[in-house]
Amino acid sequence: MTTFPNSPRLLKGAIVGLDPANPLASIIVFQYNPETVTRTLTPQAAGAAAGGHTAPGEALRLAGPPQEEIKLDVVIDATDQLEKAQPTATQMGIYPQLSALEMLLYPKSATVIANEVLLRAGMIEVIPPAAPLTVLVWGAKRVVPVRLTAFSITEEMFDPNLNPIHAKVSLGLRVLNYKDLGLLSPGGALFMAHQAMKETLATLNTVDNAPAILGAIGG
């Protein structure tokens, strides 16, 4: 016997850190999708003269895609897991989920130690370690490389052992484009796929509204 679903299946947003050395440590699926996502796009104009003014004849030229900033709040809660007596939640609360997010900002300890050994061995220059390529997944139409620019955690409830069991995490993300990462890099290619999706959706919008546009032009 089958039942008709009363609501569509809800996709979960996620932040994924692409780290070949430890792929399981940087997959953070949102337990609850944020209610709001704030996006700010700043155009990158080419040919700007002194004082921010555009040089004559250059007003419509673009130096690249706009800089996009994203802000969202994520709620992490262990209530359901505690009710089911899941071992991880009962012993550590939501520390694992918070740690997975925080590790997107930390250089790997093994790399830090290895660099210190090289430095003491007489290496003149040690290259700072790179963070994993971080990707925001918000449905099939928004999969973009990002960099965390702001990170605030408010821990609101604790268990008897002071493990946090409820927290609000405010994230500030900057979308990284092909100008930041290089067009032929994995992140640059991911951004270009995202831009191509936008171009397709914009064309669909024009097609859907063509009758109204033509009617307005014709009077």
Protein backbone atom coordinates (compact mmCIF):
# COMPACT_ATOMS: atom_id res chain seq x y z
CA MET A 1 0.00 0.00 0.00
CA THR A 2 1.36 3.41 -0.93
CA THR A 3 0.52 6.85 0.39
CA PHE A 4 0.68 10.11 -1.50
CA PRO A 5 3.24 12.42 0.09
CA ASN A 6 1.76 15.55 1.64
CA SER A 7 4.84 17.65 0.94
CA PRO A 8 7.77 17.55 -1.48
CA ARG A 9 11.08 16.14 -0.38
CA LEU A 10 13.22 18.90 1.11
CA LEU A 11 16.79 19.15 -0.15
CA LYS A 12 19.35 20.02 2.49
CA GLY A 13 21.94 22.71 1.95
CA ALA A 14 25.55 21.92 2.75
CA ILE A 15 29.08 23.24 2.96
CA VAL A 16 31.74 20.88 1.64
CA GLY A 17 35.49 21.22 2.04
CA LEU A 18 37.25 19.37 -0.78
CA ASP A 19 40.26 18.00 1.07
CA PRO A 20 41.76 14.86 -0.50
CA ALA A 21 43.79 14.21 2.66
CA ASN A 22 40.69 13.93 4.86
CA PRO A 23 37.51 13.90 2.74
CA LEU A 24 35.13 12.90 5.54
CA ALA A 25 36.08 15.74 7.89
CA SER A 26 34.69 18.58 5.82
CA ILE A 27 31.16 17.58 4.83
CA ILE A 28 28.61 19.67 6.73
CA VAL A 29 25.00 19.02 5.75
CA PHE A 30 22.65 21.60 7.28
CA GLN A 31 20.46 19.96 9.89
CA TYR A 32 17.90 22.70 9.27
CA ASN A 33 18.04 24.88 6.19
CA PRO A 34 18.45 28.61 6.97
CA GLU A 35 15.21 30.55 6.72
CA THR A 36 16.92 33.40 4.89
CA VAL A 37 19.99 33.79 2.72
CA THR A 38 21.27 37.34 2.12
CA ARG A 39 23.28 37.90 -1.06
CA THR A 40 25.12 41.12 -1.95
CA LEU A 41 26.61 41.59 -5.43
CA THR A 42 29.15 44.35 -6.11
CA PRO A 43 29.88 45.02 -9.80
CA GLN A 44 33.50 45.10 -10.96
CA ALA A 45 33.74 47.96 -13.43
CA ALA A 46 36.76 48.32 -15.70
CA GLY A 47 38.56 51.54 -16.54
CA ALA A 48 37.90 53.32 -13.24
CA ALA A 49 39.78 56.61 -13.07
CA ALA A 50 40.97 58.52 -10.03
CA GLY A 51 38.21 59.18 -7.51
CA GLY A 52 36.23 56.15 -8.62
CA HIS A 53 34.96 57.76 -11.80
CA THR A 54 34.86 55.73 -15.01
CA ALA A 55 37.08 56.81 -17.87
CA PRO A 56 35.26 58.17 -20.95
CA GLY A 57 33.95 55.38 -23.16
CA GLU A 58 34.55 52.72 -20.49
CA ALA A 59 31.32 53.01 -18.48
CA LEU A 60 29.88 49.67 -19.62
CA ARG A 61 33.04 47.59 -19.46
CA LEU A 62 33.35 44.90 -16.80
CA ALA A 63 36.62 43.75 -15.25
CA GLY A 64 35.05 40.44 -14.28
CA PRO A 65 32.08 38.91 -12.49
CA PRO A 66 30.65 40.78 -9.50
CA GLN A 67 31.96 40.11 -6.03
CA GLU A 68 29.22 38.21 -4.22
CA GLU A 69 28.86 38.05 -0.45
CA ILE A 70 26.47 35.59 1.19
CA LYS A 71 25.23 35.66 4.77
CA LEU A 72 23.22 32.90 6.42
CA ASP A 73 22.46 31.54 9.89
CA VAL A 74 22.55 27.82 10.62
CA VAL A 75 20.96 26.12 13.65
CA ILE A 76 22.63 22.99 15.01
CA ASP A 77 20.71 20.99 17.62
CA ALA A 78 21.20 17.59 19.25
CA THR A 79 17.70 17.15 20.70
CA ASP A 80 16.58 14.43 18.27
CA GLN A 81 19.84 12.51 18.63
CA LEU A 82 19.70 12.73 22.43
CA GLU A 83 16.13 11.40 22.45
CA LYS A 84 17.36 8.40 20.47
CA ALA A 85 20.40 8.03 22.77
CA GLN A 86 22.85 8.22 19.89
CA PRO A 87 26.34 7.67 21.37
CA THR A 88 28.04 10.60 19.64
CA ALA A 89 25.42 13.10 20.77
CA THR A 90 25.23 11.79 24.34
CA GLN A 91 29.01 11.85 24.75
CA MET A 92 29.98 14.97 22.77
CA GLY A 93 26.82 16.95 21.98
CA ILE A 94 27.27 18.97 18.80
CA TYR A 95 31.05 19.35 19.12
CA PRO A 96 31.65 17.21 15.98
CA GLN A 97 29.39 19.39 13.80
CA LEU A 98 30.93 22.62 15.11
CA SER A 99 34.42 21.22 14.66
CA ALA A 100 33.71 20.26 11.05
CA LEU A 101 32.76 23.87 10.30
CA GLU A 102 35.68 25.34 12.23
CA MET A 103 38.23 23.11 10.51
CA LEU A 104 37.49 24.94 7.26
CA LEU A 105 39.52 27.79 8.79
CA TYR A 106 42.40 25.81 10.30
CA PRO A 107 45.56 24.68 8.50
CA LYS A 108 46.03 20.95 9.01
CA SER A 109 48.10 20.19 12.13
CA ALA A 110 50.26 17.70 10.22
CA THR A 111 51.12 20.40 7.68
CA VAL A 112 51.94 22.92 10.42
CA ILE A 113 54.29 20.43 12.11
CA ALA A 114 55.93 19.45 8.81
CA ASN A 115 56.53 23.11 7.93
CA GLU A 116 58.11 23.74 11.33
CA VAL A 117 60.45 20.77 10.80
CA LEU A 118 61.44 22.12 7.37
CA LEU A 119 61.99 25.59 8.80
CA ARG A 120 64.29 24.26 11.53
CA ALA A 121 66.11 22.17 8.93
CA GLY A 122 67.20 25.34 7.17
CA MET A 123 64.53 25.87 4.55
CA ILE A 124 64.62 29.54 3.57
CA GLU A 125 60.94 29.76 2.63
CA VAL A 126 57.99 27.68 3.73
CA ILE A 127 54.81 28.15 1.70
CA PRO A 128 51.76 28.77 3.92
CA PRO A 129 49.34 25.84 3.77
CA ALA A 130 46.25 26.20 1.60
CA ALA A 131 42.74 25.78 2.94
CA PRO A 132 40.54 23.16 1.29
CA LEU A 133 38.40 24.30 -1.62
CA THR A 134 35.15 25.12 0.15
CA VAL A 135 31.87 24.76 -1.74
CA LEU A 136 28.41 26.01 -0.80
CA VAL A 137 25.72 23.62 -2.03
CA TRP A 138 22.27 25.22 -2.07
CA GLY A 139 20.24 23.08 -4.41
CA ALA A 140 21.24 21.99 -7.89
CA LYS A 141 21.24 25.55 -9.24
CA ARG A 142 23.65 27.03 -6.72
CA VAL A 143 26.88 25.13 -6.21
CA VAL A 144 29.67 27.68 -5.82
CA PRO A 145 33.20 27.84 -4.40
CA VAL A 146 33.37 30.13 -1.38
CA ARG A 147 35.70 31.43 1.28
CA LEU A 148 34.55 31.94 4.86
CA THR A 149 34.91 35.62 5.74
CA ALA A 150 32.92 35.73 8.99
CA PHE A 151 32.12 33.02 11.49
CA SER A 152 30.20 33.52 14.72
CA ILE A 153 28.97 30.73 17.03
CA THR A 154 26.41 31.29 19.79
CA GLU A 155 26.19 28.20 22.01
CA GLU A 156 22.85 28.35 23.80
CA MET A 157 22.32 25.01 25.58
CA PHE A 158 24.66 22.52 27.24
CA ASP A 159 24.45 19.03 28.70
CA PRO A 160 25.63 18.18 32.27
CA ASN A 161 29.19 17.75 30.96
CA LEU A 162 29.09 21.23 29.34
CA ASN A 163 28.98 19.82 25.83
CA PRO A 164 27.03 22.25 23.62
CA ILE A 165 23.76 20.73 22.44
CA HIS A 166 22.20 23.74 20.68
CA ALA A 167 23.93 26.54 18.78
CA LYS A 168 23.36 29.20 16.15
CA VAL A 169 26.13 29.70 13.62
CA SER A 170 26.30 32.89 11.55
CA LEU A 171 28.35 32.49 8.39
CA GLY A 172 29.70 35.11 6.03
CA LEU A 173 30.84 33.71 2.68
CA ARG A 174 32.51 35.29 -0.31
CA VAL A 175 31.90 33.54 -3.61
CA LEU A 176 35.21 32.80 -5.36
CA ASN A 177 35.14 33.19 -9.14
CA TYR A 178 37.48 32.36 -12.00
CA LYS A 179 39.39 35.61 -11.42
CA ASP A 180 40.23 34.41 -7.91
CA LEU A 181 40.93 30.75 -8.65
CA GLY A 182 41.91 30.62 -12.33
CA LEU A 183 39.59 29.57 -15.13
CA LEU A 184 41.19 26.13 -15.56
CA SER A 185 41.18 25.24 -11.86
CA PRO A 186 38.45 22.98 -10.40
CA GLY A 187 37.00 25.93 -8.49
CA GLY A 188 37.10 28.21 -11.53
CA ALA A 189 35.34 25.58 -13.64
CA LEU A 190 32.71 25.16 -10.92
CA PHE A 191 32.05 28.89 -10.89
CA MET A 192 31.76 28.99 -14.70
CA ALA A 193 29.19 26.18 -14.58
CA HIS A 194 27.27 28.25 -12.03
CA GLN A 195 27.43 31.33 -14.28
CA ALA A 196 26.27 29.29 -17.30
CA MET A 197 23.29 28.14 -15.24
CA LYS A 198 22.45 31.78 -14.46
CA GLU A 199 22.64 32.67 -18.15
CA THR A 200 20.24 29.85 -19.01
CA LEU A 201 17.76 30.90 -16.31
CA ALA A 202 17.95 34.54 -17.45
CA THR A 203 17.12 33.44 -21.01
CA LEU A 204 14.14 31.44 -19.75
CA ASN A 205 12.90 34.52 -17.92
CA THR A 206 13.04 36.53 -21.15
CA VAL A 207 11.21 33.81 -23.10
CA ASP A 208 8.47 33.57 -20.47
CA ASN A 209 7.95 37.33 -20.46
CA ALA A 210 8.31 37.92 -24.22
CA PRO A 211 4.54 38.36 -24.88
CA ALA A 212 4.26 41.02 -22.20
CA ILE A 213 7.39 42.80 -23.43
CA LEU A 214 6.19 42.80 -27.06
CA GLY A 215 2.77 44.00 -25.97
CA ALA A 216 4.29 46.89 -24.06
CA ILE A 217 6.45 47.88 -27.03
CA GLY A 218 3.52 47.68 -29.45
CA GLY A 219 1.36 49.79 -27.21
